[in-house]
């Protein structure tokens, strides 16, 4: 229970559930000053003891205030992902990096769209149906890109159902 009669108001600077996004790769972006200021305000709101860090209990209150209800395991995992120096508490710089990574979620969508474009260019459907023309893929990799990797062997490894063709999921594994 909290000494507050109602949870503090938190600026809407994230897209719930942001705590699940902490392990996403960050997009290469520079955070603007107003965003950093909003993060600082949110951080200070939940740093209830004024220590300059947010501990596990304070993080749980923060998450609950934005409508999240992480299990103990999810809370522990989130804290471990964000707490880069292993102190058990989150400093402001770590807090800010977690939100920067979360904002990078838009990059994941862009990457997926790029993968679909490549899939379509190699014979697949825009709805992820169909298959890549593996001969065309070999040609693109070797002739157009001049790469010397053993693409035939890679295709063989990616072709999980061994049908000699790459469906969207098999093709997308090239980019993981």
N, C-alpha and C. Protein backbone atom coordinates (compact mmCIF):
# COMPACT_ATOMS: atom_id res chain seq x y z
N UNK A 1 0.84 -1.19 0.00
CA UNK A 1 0.00 0.00 0.00
C UNK A 1 0.87 1.24 0.00
N UNK A 2 0.37 2.28 -0.55
CA UNK A 2 1.12 3.51 -0.72
C UNK A 2 0.59 4.57 0.24
N UNK A 3 1.45 5.52 0.60
CA UNK A 3 1.00 6.61 1.45
C UNK A 3 0.21 7.64 0.66
N UNK A 4 0.16 7.46 -0.65
CA UNK A 4 -0.60 8.37 -1.49
C UNK A 4 -2.04 7.90 -1.59
N UNK A 5 -2.98 8.83 -1.52
CA UNK A 5 -4.38 8.44 -1.62
C UNK A 5 -4.75 8.06 -3.04
N UNK A 6 -4.06 8.66 -4.02
CA UNK A 6 -4.27 8.27 -5.40
C UNK A 6 -2.91 8.28 -6.09
N UNK A 7 -2.75 7.48 -7.13
CA UNK A 7 -1.44 7.42 -7.78
C UNK A 7 -1.10 8.76 -8.41
N UNK A 8 0.18 9.14 -8.41
CA UNK A 8 0.59 10.39 -9.05
C UNK A 8 0.28 10.35 -10.54
N UNK A 9 0.01 11.52 -11.10
CA UNK A 9 -0.24 11.60 -12.53
C UNK A 9 1.09 11.51 -13.26
N UNK A 10 1.15 10.64 -14.26
CA UNK A 10 2.37 10.43 -15.01
C UNK A 10 2.17 10.92 -16.43
N UNK A 11 3.12 11.69 -16.96
CA UNK A 11 2.99 12.12 -18.35
C UNK A 11 2.90 10.91 -19.28
N UNK A 12 2.07 10.99 -20.30
CA UNK A 12 1.92 9.88 -21.25
C UNK A 12 3.07 9.93 -22.25
N UNK A 13 4.22 9.40 -21.86
CA UNK A 13 5.41 9.46 -22.71
C UNK A 13 5.78 8.11 -23.27
N UNK A 14 4.98 7.12 -22.99
CA UNK A 14 5.28 5.77 -23.49
C UNK A 14 4.02 5.10 -23.97
N UNK A 15 4.21 4.05 -24.68
CA UNK A 15 3.08 3.26 -25.15
C UNK A 15 3.08 1.97 -24.34
N UNK A 16 2.14 1.83 -23.40
CA UNK A 16 2.12 0.58 -22.62
C UNK A 16 2.04 -0.62 -23.55
N UNK A 17 2.59 -1.74 -23.20
CA UNK A 17 3.34 -1.97 -21.99
C UNK A 17 4.83 -1.72 -22.20
N UNK A 18 5.31 -0.53 -21.81
CA UNK A 18 6.69 -0.17 -22.08
C UNK A 18 7.67 -1.09 -21.37
N UNK A 19 7.28 -1.67 -20.24
CA UNK A 19 8.21 -2.51 -19.49
C UNK A 19 8.54 -3.79 -20.22
N UNK A 20 7.70 -4.21 -21.17
CA UNK A 20 8.04 -5.40 -21.97
C UNK A 20 9.00 -5.04 -23.09
N UNK A 21 9.17 -3.75 -23.36
CA UNK A 21 9.96 -3.31 -24.49
C UNK A 21 11.41 -3.02 -24.12
N UNK A 22 11.78 -3.18 -22.87
CA UNK A 22 13.11 -2.76 -22.44
C UNK A 22 14.23 -3.49 -23.16
N UNK A 23 13.99 -4.70 -23.63
CA UNK A 23 15.07 -5.44 -24.27
C UNK A 23 15.11 -5.25 -25.78
N UNK A 24 14.25 -4.41 -26.30
CA UNK A 24 14.30 -4.14 -27.74
C UNK A 24 15.56 -3.37 -28.09
N UNK A 25 16.07 -3.55 -29.30
CA UNK A 25 17.24 -2.77 -29.68
C UNK A 25 16.87 -1.31 -29.87
N UNK A 26 17.74 -0.40 -29.45
CA UNK A 26 17.41 1.01 -29.59
C UNK A 26 17.51 1.46 -31.04
N UNK A 27 16.64 2.36 -31.43
CA UNK A 27 16.76 2.99 -32.73
C UNK A 27 17.82 4.07 -32.60
N UNK A 28 18.46 4.41 -33.69
CA UNK A 28 19.44 5.48 -33.64
C UNK A 28 18.71 6.79 -33.72
N UNK A 29 18.43 7.37 -32.55
CA UNK A 29 17.70 8.61 -32.52
C UNK A 29 18.22 9.44 -31.36
N UNK A 30 18.02 10.73 -31.50
CA UNK A 30 18.40 11.63 -30.42
C UNK A 30 17.10 12.06 -29.75
N UNK A 31 17.05 11.93 -28.43
CA UNK A 31 15.86 12.32 -27.71
C UNK A 31 15.82 13.83 -27.59
N UNK A 32 14.65 14.41 -27.83
CA UNK A 32 14.54 15.86 -27.73
C UNK A 32 14.42 16.28 -26.27
N UNK A 33 14.75 17.55 -26.02
CA UNK A 33 14.78 18.08 -24.65
C UNK A 33 13.44 17.95 -23.93
N UNK A 34 12.33 18.18 -24.64
CA UNK A 34 11.03 18.10 -23.96
C UNK A 34 10.74 16.67 -23.53
N UNK A 35 11.13 15.69 -24.33
CA UNK A 35 10.94 14.29 -23.96
C UNK A 35 11.79 13.96 -22.73
N UNK A 36 13.04 14.41 -22.74
CA UNK A 36 13.93 14.16 -21.61
C UNK A 36 13.35 14.79 -20.34
N UNK A 37 12.80 16.01 -20.48
CA UNK A 37 12.21 16.69 -19.33
C UNK A 37 11.01 15.91 -18.78
N UNK A 38 10.17 15.39 -19.69
CA UNK A 38 9.02 14.59 -19.25
C UNK A 38 9.49 13.33 -18.54
N UNK A 39 10.53 12.70 -19.05
CA UNK A 39 11.09 11.52 -18.39
C UNK A 39 11.61 11.88 -17.00
N UNK A 40 12.28 13.03 -16.89
CA UNK A 40 12.82 13.48 -15.60
C UNK A 40 11.67 13.69 -14.60
N UNK A 41 10.58 14.31 -15.07
CA UNK A 41 9.43 14.54 -14.19
C UNK A 41 8.83 13.22 -13.72
N UNK A 42 8.68 12.27 -14.64
CA UNK A 42 8.13 10.97 -14.26
C UNK A 42 9.06 10.26 -13.28
N UNK A 43 10.36 10.32 -13.57
CA UNK A 43 11.36 9.68 -12.70
C UNK A 43 11.28 10.27 -11.30
N UNK A 44 11.29 11.60 -11.22
CA UNK A 44 11.27 12.27 -9.92
C UNK A 44 9.97 11.99 -9.16
N UNK A 45 8.85 11.87 -9.90
CA UNK A 45 7.57 11.58 -9.27
C UNK A 45 7.62 10.26 -8.52
N UNK A 46 8.31 9.27 -9.09
CA UNK A 46 8.32 7.94 -8.49
C UNK A 46 9.55 7.65 -7.65
N UNK A 47 10.52 8.55 -7.66
CA UNK A 47 11.66 8.42 -6.75
C UNK A 47 11.20 9.00 -5.42
N UNK A 48 10.34 8.25 -4.74
CA UNK A 48 9.63 8.76 -3.56
C UNK A 48 10.55 9.12 -2.40
N UNK A 49 11.67 8.41 -2.28
CA UNK A 49 12.57 8.71 -1.15
C UNK A 49 13.65 9.73 -1.52
N UNK A 50 13.59 10.25 -2.77
CA UNK A 50 14.55 11.28 -3.19
C UNK A 50 15.98 10.78 -3.30
N UNK A 51 16.16 9.48 -3.48
CA UNK A 51 17.50 8.90 -3.52
C UNK A 51 18.23 9.11 -4.85
N UNK A 52 17.49 9.55 -5.87
CA UNK A 52 18.10 9.68 -7.20
C UNK A 52 18.05 8.39 -7.98
N UNK A 53 17.39 7.38 -7.40
CA UNK A 53 17.21 6.09 -8.08
C UNK A 53 15.78 5.61 -7.85
N UNK A 54 15.36 4.67 -8.71
CA UNK A 54 14.06 4.03 -8.53
C UNK A 54 14.33 2.57 -8.21
N UNK A 55 13.82 2.14 -7.05
CA UNK A 55 14.01 0.74 -6.67
C UNK A 55 12.83 -0.09 -7.19
N UNK A 56 12.87 -1.37 -6.91
CA UNK A 56 11.84 -2.27 -7.44
C UNK A 56 10.44 -1.87 -6.99
N UNK A 57 10.28 -1.51 -5.74
CA UNK A 57 8.96 -1.14 -5.23
C UNK A 57 8.46 0.14 -5.90
N UNK A 58 9.34 1.12 -6.06
CA UNK A 58 8.96 2.37 -6.73
C UNK A 58 8.61 2.11 -8.19
N UNK A 59 9.34 1.20 -8.85
CA UNK A 59 9.05 0.86 -10.25
C UNK A 59 7.69 0.19 -10.35
N UNK A 60 7.36 -0.66 -9.38
CA UNK A 60 6.06 -1.33 -9.39
C UNK A 60 4.94 -0.28 -9.31
N UNK A 61 5.11 0.72 -8.45
CA UNK A 61 4.12 1.80 -8.33
C UNK A 61 4.00 2.59 -9.63
N UNK A 62 5.13 2.84 -10.27
CA UNK A 62 5.13 3.56 -11.55
C UNK A 62 4.32 2.78 -12.58
N UNK A 63 4.61 1.50 -12.70
CA UNK A 63 3.92 0.67 -13.68
C UNK A 63 2.43 0.59 -13.40
N UNK A 64 2.08 0.44 -12.13
CA UNK A 64 0.66 0.38 -11.77
C UNK A 64 -0.04 1.70 -12.09
N UNK A 65 0.68 2.83 -11.91
CA UNK A 65 0.09 4.15 -12.18
C UNK A 65 -0.22 4.35 -13.66
N UNK A 66 0.49 3.63 -14.53
CA UNK A 66 0.21 3.77 -15.97
C UNK A 66 -0.65 2.62 -16.47
N UNK A 67 -1.25 1.89 -15.53
CA UNK A 67 -2.21 0.86 -15.92
C UNK A 67 -1.62 -0.50 -16.20
N UNK A 68 -0.37 -0.71 -15.86
CA UNK A 68 0.26 -2.01 -16.05
C UNK A 68 0.18 -2.79 -14.75
N UNK A 69 0.17 -4.10 -14.87
CA UNK A 69 0.16 -4.96 -13.68
C UNK A 69 1.15 -6.10 -13.89
N UNK A 70 2.45 -5.79 -13.87
CA UNK A 70 3.44 -6.85 -14.12
C UNK A 70 3.47 -7.86 -12.98
N UNK A 71 3.70 -9.11 -13.34
CA UNK A 71 3.89 -10.14 -12.32
C UNK A 71 5.23 -9.85 -11.65
N UNK A 72 5.49 -10.51 -10.53
CA UNK A 72 6.78 -10.33 -9.85
C UNK A 72 7.92 -10.71 -10.80
N UNK A 73 7.71 -11.78 -11.57
CA UNK A 73 8.75 -12.24 -12.51
C UNK A 73 9.01 -11.19 -13.60
N UNK A 74 7.93 -10.61 -14.16
CA UNK A 74 8.09 -9.58 -15.19
C UNK A 74 8.77 -8.34 -14.62
N UNK A 75 8.40 -7.96 -13.40
CA UNK A 75 9.02 -6.80 -12.76
C UNK A 75 10.51 -7.06 -12.55
N UNK A 76 10.83 -8.25 -12.05
CA UNK A 76 12.24 -8.62 -11.84
C UNK A 76 13.02 -8.58 -13.16
N UNK A 77 12.42 -9.16 -14.22
CA UNK A 77 13.08 -9.21 -15.52
C UNK A 77 13.29 -7.80 -16.06
N UNK A 78 12.27 -6.95 -15.92
CA UNK A 78 12.38 -5.56 -16.39
C UNK A 78 13.49 -4.84 -15.64
N UNK A 79 13.50 -4.96 -14.33
CA UNK A 79 14.54 -4.30 -13.53
C UNK A 79 15.92 -4.79 -13.96
N UNK A 80 16.06 -6.10 -14.18
CA UNK A 80 17.35 -6.65 -14.58
C UNK A 80 17.78 -6.13 -15.95
N UNK A 81 16.82 -5.99 -16.86
CA UNK A 81 17.13 -5.48 -18.21
C UNK A 81 17.57 -4.02 -18.16
N UNK A 82 16.91 -3.23 -17.33
CA UNK A 82 17.16 -1.79 -17.31
C UNK A 82 18.34 -1.43 -16.41
N UNK A 83 18.53 -2.17 -15.33
CA UNK A 83 19.58 -1.89 -14.35
C UNK A 83 20.93 -2.36 -14.90
N UNK A 84 21.53 -1.53 -15.75
CA UNK A 84 22.74 -1.93 -16.47
C UNK A 84 23.95 -2.14 -15.56
N UNK A 85 24.03 -1.40 -14.46
CA UNK A 85 25.20 -1.52 -13.59
C UNK A 85 25.00 -2.52 -12.43
N UNK A 86 23.82 -3.15 -12.39
CA UNK A 86 23.58 -4.21 -11.43
C UNK A 86 23.45 -3.77 -9.97
N UNK A 87 23.08 -2.52 -9.74
CA UNK A 87 22.95 -2.03 -8.36
C UNK A 87 21.62 -2.42 -7.72
N UNK A 88 20.66 -2.89 -8.54
CA UNK A 88 19.34 -3.21 -8.00
C UNK A 88 18.42 -2.02 -8.02
N UNK A 89 18.94 -0.88 -8.46
CA UNK A 89 18.14 0.34 -8.57
C UNK A 89 18.41 0.97 -9.93
N UNK A 90 17.46 1.76 -10.38
CA UNK A 90 17.58 2.37 -11.71
C UNK A 90 17.90 3.85 -11.56
N UNK A 91 19.05 4.24 -12.11
CA UNK A 91 19.42 5.65 -12.15
C UNK A 91 18.70 6.31 -13.32
N UNK A 92 18.68 7.63 -13.35
CA UNK A 92 17.95 8.34 -14.40
C UNK A 92 18.46 7.97 -15.79
N UNK A 93 19.77 7.87 -15.98
CA UNK A 93 20.33 7.54 -17.31
C UNK A 93 19.81 6.18 -17.79
N UNK A 94 19.72 5.21 -16.88
CA UNK A 94 19.20 3.89 -17.24
C UNK A 94 17.71 3.98 -17.58
N UNK A 95 16.99 4.76 -16.80
CA UNK A 95 15.56 4.99 -17.02
C UNK A 95 15.33 5.60 -18.40
N UNK A 96 16.13 6.59 -18.73
CA UNK A 96 16.01 7.27 -20.03
C UNK A 96 16.32 6.31 -21.18
N UNK A 97 17.36 5.50 -21.03
CA UNK A 97 17.71 4.53 -22.09
C UNK A 97 16.59 3.52 -22.30
N UNK A 98 15.89 3.13 -21.22
CA UNK A 98 14.76 2.19 -21.36
C UNK A 98 13.67 2.80 -22.23
N UNK A 99 13.39 4.09 -22.05
CA UNK A 99 12.37 4.73 -22.86
C UNK A 99 12.85 4.96 -24.28
N UNK A 100 14.13 5.22 -24.44
CA UNK A 100 14.67 5.38 -25.79
C UNK A 100 14.52 4.05 -26.54
N UNK A 101 14.81 2.94 -25.88
CA UNK A 101 14.65 1.62 -26.51
C UNK A 101 13.19 1.37 -26.85
N UNK A 102 12.29 1.74 -25.94
CA UNK A 102 10.87 1.54 -26.18
C UNK A 102 10.42 2.31 -27.40
N UNK A 103 10.88 3.54 -27.51
CA UNK A 103 10.50 4.36 -28.67
C UNK A 103 11.05 3.73 -29.96
N UNK A 104 12.10 2.94 -29.83
CA UNK A 104 12.67 2.26 -30.99
C UNK A 104 11.76 1.18 -31.55
N UNK A 105 10.65 0.89 -30.87
CA UNK A 105 9.70 -0.11 -31.37
C UNK A 105 9.19 0.22 -32.76
N UNK A 106 9.11 1.52 -33.07
CA UNK A 106 8.69 1.94 -34.41
C UNK A 106 9.68 1.43 -35.45
N UNK A 107 10.95 1.32 -35.06
CA UNK A 107 11.98 0.82 -35.97
C UNK A 107 11.71 -0.64 -36.32
N UNK A 108 11.21 -1.42 -35.36
CA UNK A 108 10.91 -2.82 -35.63
C UNK A 108 9.86 -2.95 -36.74
N UNK A 109 8.84 -2.08 -36.70
CA UNK A 109 7.80 -2.10 -37.73
C UNK A 109 8.42 -1.75 -39.08
N UNK A 110 9.28 -0.74 -39.09
CA UNK A 110 9.93 -0.34 -40.34
C UNK A 110 10.78 -1.49 -40.89
N UNK A 111 11.49 -2.19 -40.02
CA UNK A 111 12.31 -3.33 -40.45
C UNK A 111 11.43 -4.43 -41.03
N UNK A 112 10.27 -4.68 -40.41
CA UNK A 112 9.35 -5.70 -40.92
C UNK A 112 8.85 -5.32 -42.31
N UNK A 113 8.53 -4.03 -42.50
CA UNK A 113 8.07 -3.57 -43.82
C UNK A 113 9.17 -3.72 -44.87
N UNK A 114 10.42 -3.44 -44.49
CA UNK A 114 11.55 -3.63 -45.41
C UNK A 114 11.69 -5.10 -45.78
N UNK A 115 11.50 -6.00 -44.81
CA UNK A 115 11.59 -7.44 -45.08
C UNK A 115 10.48 -7.87 -46.04
N UNK A 116 9.28 -7.35 -45.83
CA UNK A 116 8.16 -7.68 -46.73
C UNK A 116 8.47 -7.18 -48.14
N UNK A 117 9.00 -5.96 -48.26
CA UNK A 117 9.37 -5.42 -49.59
C UNK A 117 10.36 -6.35 -50.29
N UNK A 118 11.38 -6.81 -49.55
CA UNK A 118 12.37 -7.70 -50.14
C UNK A 118 11.73 -9.03 -50.53
N UNK A 119 10.84 -9.54 -49.69
CA UNK A 119 10.13 -10.80 -49.95
C UNK A 119 9.33 -10.68 -51.25
N UNK A 120 8.63 -9.57 -51.41
CA UNK A 120 7.82 -9.34 -52.62
C UNK A 120 8.74 -9.22 -53.85
N UNK A 121 9.84 -8.50 -53.70
CA UNK A 121 10.78 -8.32 -54.82
C UNK A 121 11.36 -9.65 -55.29
N UNK A 122 11.40 -10.63 -54.39
CA UNK A 122 11.96 -11.93 -54.74
C UNK A 122 10.89 -12.98 -55.03
N UNK A 123 9.63 -12.54 -55.21
CA UNK A 123 8.59 -13.46 -55.66
C UNK A 123 7.47 -13.74 -54.68
N UNK A 124 7.61 -13.33 -53.43
CA UNK A 124 6.57 -13.60 -52.44
C UNK A 124 5.43 -12.58 -52.55
N UNK A 125 4.38 -12.83 -51.77
CA UNK A 125 3.23 -11.94 -51.76
C UNK A 125 3.34 -10.88 -50.67
N UNK A 126 2.71 -9.71 -50.90
CA UNK A 126 2.74 -8.62 -49.93
C UNK A 126 2.04 -9.03 -48.62
N UNK A 127 1.16 -10.02 -48.69
CA UNK A 127 0.46 -10.51 -47.49
C UNK A 127 1.23 -11.64 -46.80
N UNK A 128 2.52 -11.79 -47.17
CA UNK A 128 3.44 -12.79 -46.62
C UNK A 128 3.13 -14.20 -47.12
N UNK A 129 2.30 -14.30 -48.14
CA UNK A 129 2.02 -15.61 -48.73
C UNK A 129 3.04 -15.88 -49.82
N UNK A 130 3.04 -17.09 -50.31
CA UNK A 130 3.94 -17.43 -51.40
C UNK A 130 5.34 -17.74 -50.92
N UNK A 131 6.26 -17.70 -51.88
CA UNK A 131 7.63 -18.11 -51.60
C UNK A 131 8.61 -17.23 -52.34
N UNK A 132 9.82 -17.18 -51.81
CA UNK A 132 10.92 -16.51 -52.48
C UNK A 132 11.42 -17.41 -53.58
N UNK A 133 11.71 -16.83 -54.73
CA UNK A 133 12.36 -17.56 -55.81
C UNK A 133 13.83 -17.70 -55.40
N UNK A 134 14.22 -18.90 -54.95
CA UNK A 134 15.58 -19.07 -54.42
C UNK A 134 16.65 -18.83 -55.47
N UNK A 135 16.36 -19.13 -56.75
CA UNK A 135 17.34 -18.83 -57.80
C UNK A 135 17.56 -17.32 -57.90
N UNK A 136 16.47 -16.57 -57.79
CA UNK A 136 16.56 -15.11 -57.83
C UNK A 136 17.34 -14.60 -56.62
N UNK A 137 17.10 -15.18 -55.44
CA UNK A 137 17.81 -14.78 -54.23
C UNK A 137 19.32 -15.02 -54.40
N UNK A 138 19.69 -16.19 -54.92
CA UNK A 138 21.10 -16.49 -55.16
C UNK A 138 21.69 -15.47 -56.13
N UNK A 139 20.97 -15.16 -57.19
CA UNK A 139 21.42 -14.19 -58.18
C UNK A 139 21.62 -12.81 -57.57
N UNK A 140 20.66 -12.36 -56.77
CA UNK A 140 20.76 -11.04 -56.14
C UNK A 140 21.97 -10.97 -55.22
N UNK A 141 22.13 -11.97 -54.37
CA UNK A 141 23.22 -11.97 -53.40
C UNK A 141 24.58 -12.00 -54.09
N UNK A 142 24.71 -12.89 -55.09
CA UNK A 142 26.01 -13.07 -55.74
C UNK A 142 26.29 -12.03 -56.82
N UNK A 143 25.31 -11.82 -57.72
CA UNK A 143 25.55 -10.96 -58.88
C UNK A 143 25.32 -9.48 -58.57
N UNK A 144 24.16 -9.16 -57.99
CA UNK A 144 23.83 -7.76 -57.78
C UNK A 144 24.57 -7.16 -56.59
N UNK A 145 24.73 -7.94 -55.50
CA UNK A 145 25.42 -7.42 -54.32
C UNK A 145 26.89 -7.83 -54.29
N UNK A 146 27.29 -8.77 -55.14
CA UNK A 146 28.68 -9.20 -55.19
C UNK A 146 29.18 -9.84 -53.90
N UNK A 147 28.28 -10.45 -53.17
CA UNK A 147 28.68 -11.08 -51.90
C UNK A 147 29.17 -12.49 -52.17
N UNK A 148 30.14 -12.92 -51.37
CA UNK A 148 30.75 -14.23 -51.60
C UNK A 148 30.28 -15.29 -50.61
N UNK A 149 29.27 -14.97 -49.79
CA UNK A 149 28.82 -15.97 -48.82
C UNK A 149 28.17 -17.16 -49.53
N UNK A 150 28.16 -18.26 -48.85
CA UNK A 150 27.59 -19.49 -49.41
C UNK A 150 26.07 -19.47 -49.23
N UNK A 151 25.41 -18.71 -50.10
CA UNK A 151 23.97 -18.48 -49.98
C UNK A 151 23.16 -19.76 -50.15
N UNK A 152 23.65 -20.67 -51.01
CA UNK A 152 22.92 -21.92 -51.21
C UNK A 152 22.83 -22.70 -49.90
N UNK A 153 23.94 -22.73 -49.16
CA UNK A 153 23.97 -23.45 -47.87
C UNK A 153 23.07 -22.75 -46.85
N UNK A 154 23.08 -21.43 -46.86
CA UNK A 154 22.23 -20.67 -45.95
C UNK A 154 20.75 -20.93 -46.25
N UNK A 155 20.40 -20.95 -47.54
CA UNK A 155 19.01 -21.24 -47.93
C UNK A 155 18.62 -22.62 -47.44
N UNK A 156 19.54 -23.57 -47.59
CA UNK A 156 19.27 -24.93 -47.14
C UNK A 156 19.00 -24.98 -45.63
N UNK A 157 19.78 -24.21 -44.85
CA UNK A 157 19.59 -24.17 -43.40
C UNK A 157 18.27 -23.48 -43.03
N UNK A 158 17.90 -22.45 -43.77
CA UNK A 158 16.69 -21.68 -43.45
C UNK A 158 15.42 -22.42 -43.87
N UNK A 159 15.53 -23.29 -44.85
CA UNK A 159 14.37 -24.01 -45.38
C UNK A 159 13.97 -25.12 -44.41
N UNK A 160 13.27 -24.70 -43.34
CA UNK A 160 12.94 -25.61 -42.23
C UNK A 160 12.09 -26.80 -42.65
N UNK A 161 11.15 -26.58 -43.59
CA UNK A 161 10.28 -27.69 -44.00
C UNK A 161 10.85 -28.46 -45.20
N UNK A 162 12.05 -28.09 -45.61
CA UNK A 162 12.80 -28.81 -46.67
C UNK A 162 12.00 -28.99 -47.96
N UNK A 163 11.23 -27.93 -48.34
CA UNK A 163 10.47 -28.02 -49.58
C UNK A 163 11.20 -27.34 -50.75
N UNK A 164 12.43 -26.88 -50.49
CA UNK A 164 13.22 -26.25 -51.55
C UNK A 164 12.82 -24.81 -51.81
N UNK A 165 11.92 -24.26 -51.00
CA UNK A 165 11.45 -22.88 -51.16
C UNK A 165 11.50 -22.19 -49.80
N UNK A 166 11.55 -20.88 -49.82
CA UNK A 166 11.53 -20.12 -48.56
C UNK A 166 10.20 -19.38 -48.43
N UNK A 167 9.42 -19.72 -47.40
CA UNK A 167 8.21 -18.94 -47.12
C UNK A 167 8.63 -17.67 -46.37
N UNK A 168 7.68 -16.83 -45.99
CA UNK A 168 8.04 -15.55 -45.37
C UNK A 168 8.84 -15.73 -44.08
N UNK A 169 8.39 -16.61 -43.19
CA UNK A 169 9.10 -16.78 -41.91
C UNK A 169 10.51 -17.30 -42.12
N UNK A 170 10.67 -18.23 -43.05
CA UNK A 170 12.00 -18.75 -43.34
C UNK A 170 12.88 -17.64 -43.92
N UNK A 171 12.31 -16.84 -44.83
CA UNK A 171 13.06 -15.75 -45.45
C UNK A 171 13.42 -14.68 -44.41
N UNK A 172 12.46 -14.32 -43.55
CA UNK A 172 12.70 -13.28 -42.55
C UNK A 172 13.83 -13.66 -41.60
N UNK A 173 14.06 -14.97 -41.41
CA UNK A 173 15.13 -15.43 -40.52
C UNK A 173 16.51 -14.99 -41.04
N UNK A 174 16.62 -14.65 -42.31
CA UNK A 174 17.86 -14.13 -42.87
C UNK A 174 18.29 -12.84 -42.16
N UNK A 175 17.32 -12.07 -41.66
CA UNK A 175 17.58 -10.74 -41.15
C UNK A 175 17.59 -10.66 -39.63
N UNK A 176 17.52 -11.79 -38.96
CA UNK A 176 17.50 -11.77 -37.50
C UNK A 176 18.90 -11.70 -36.96
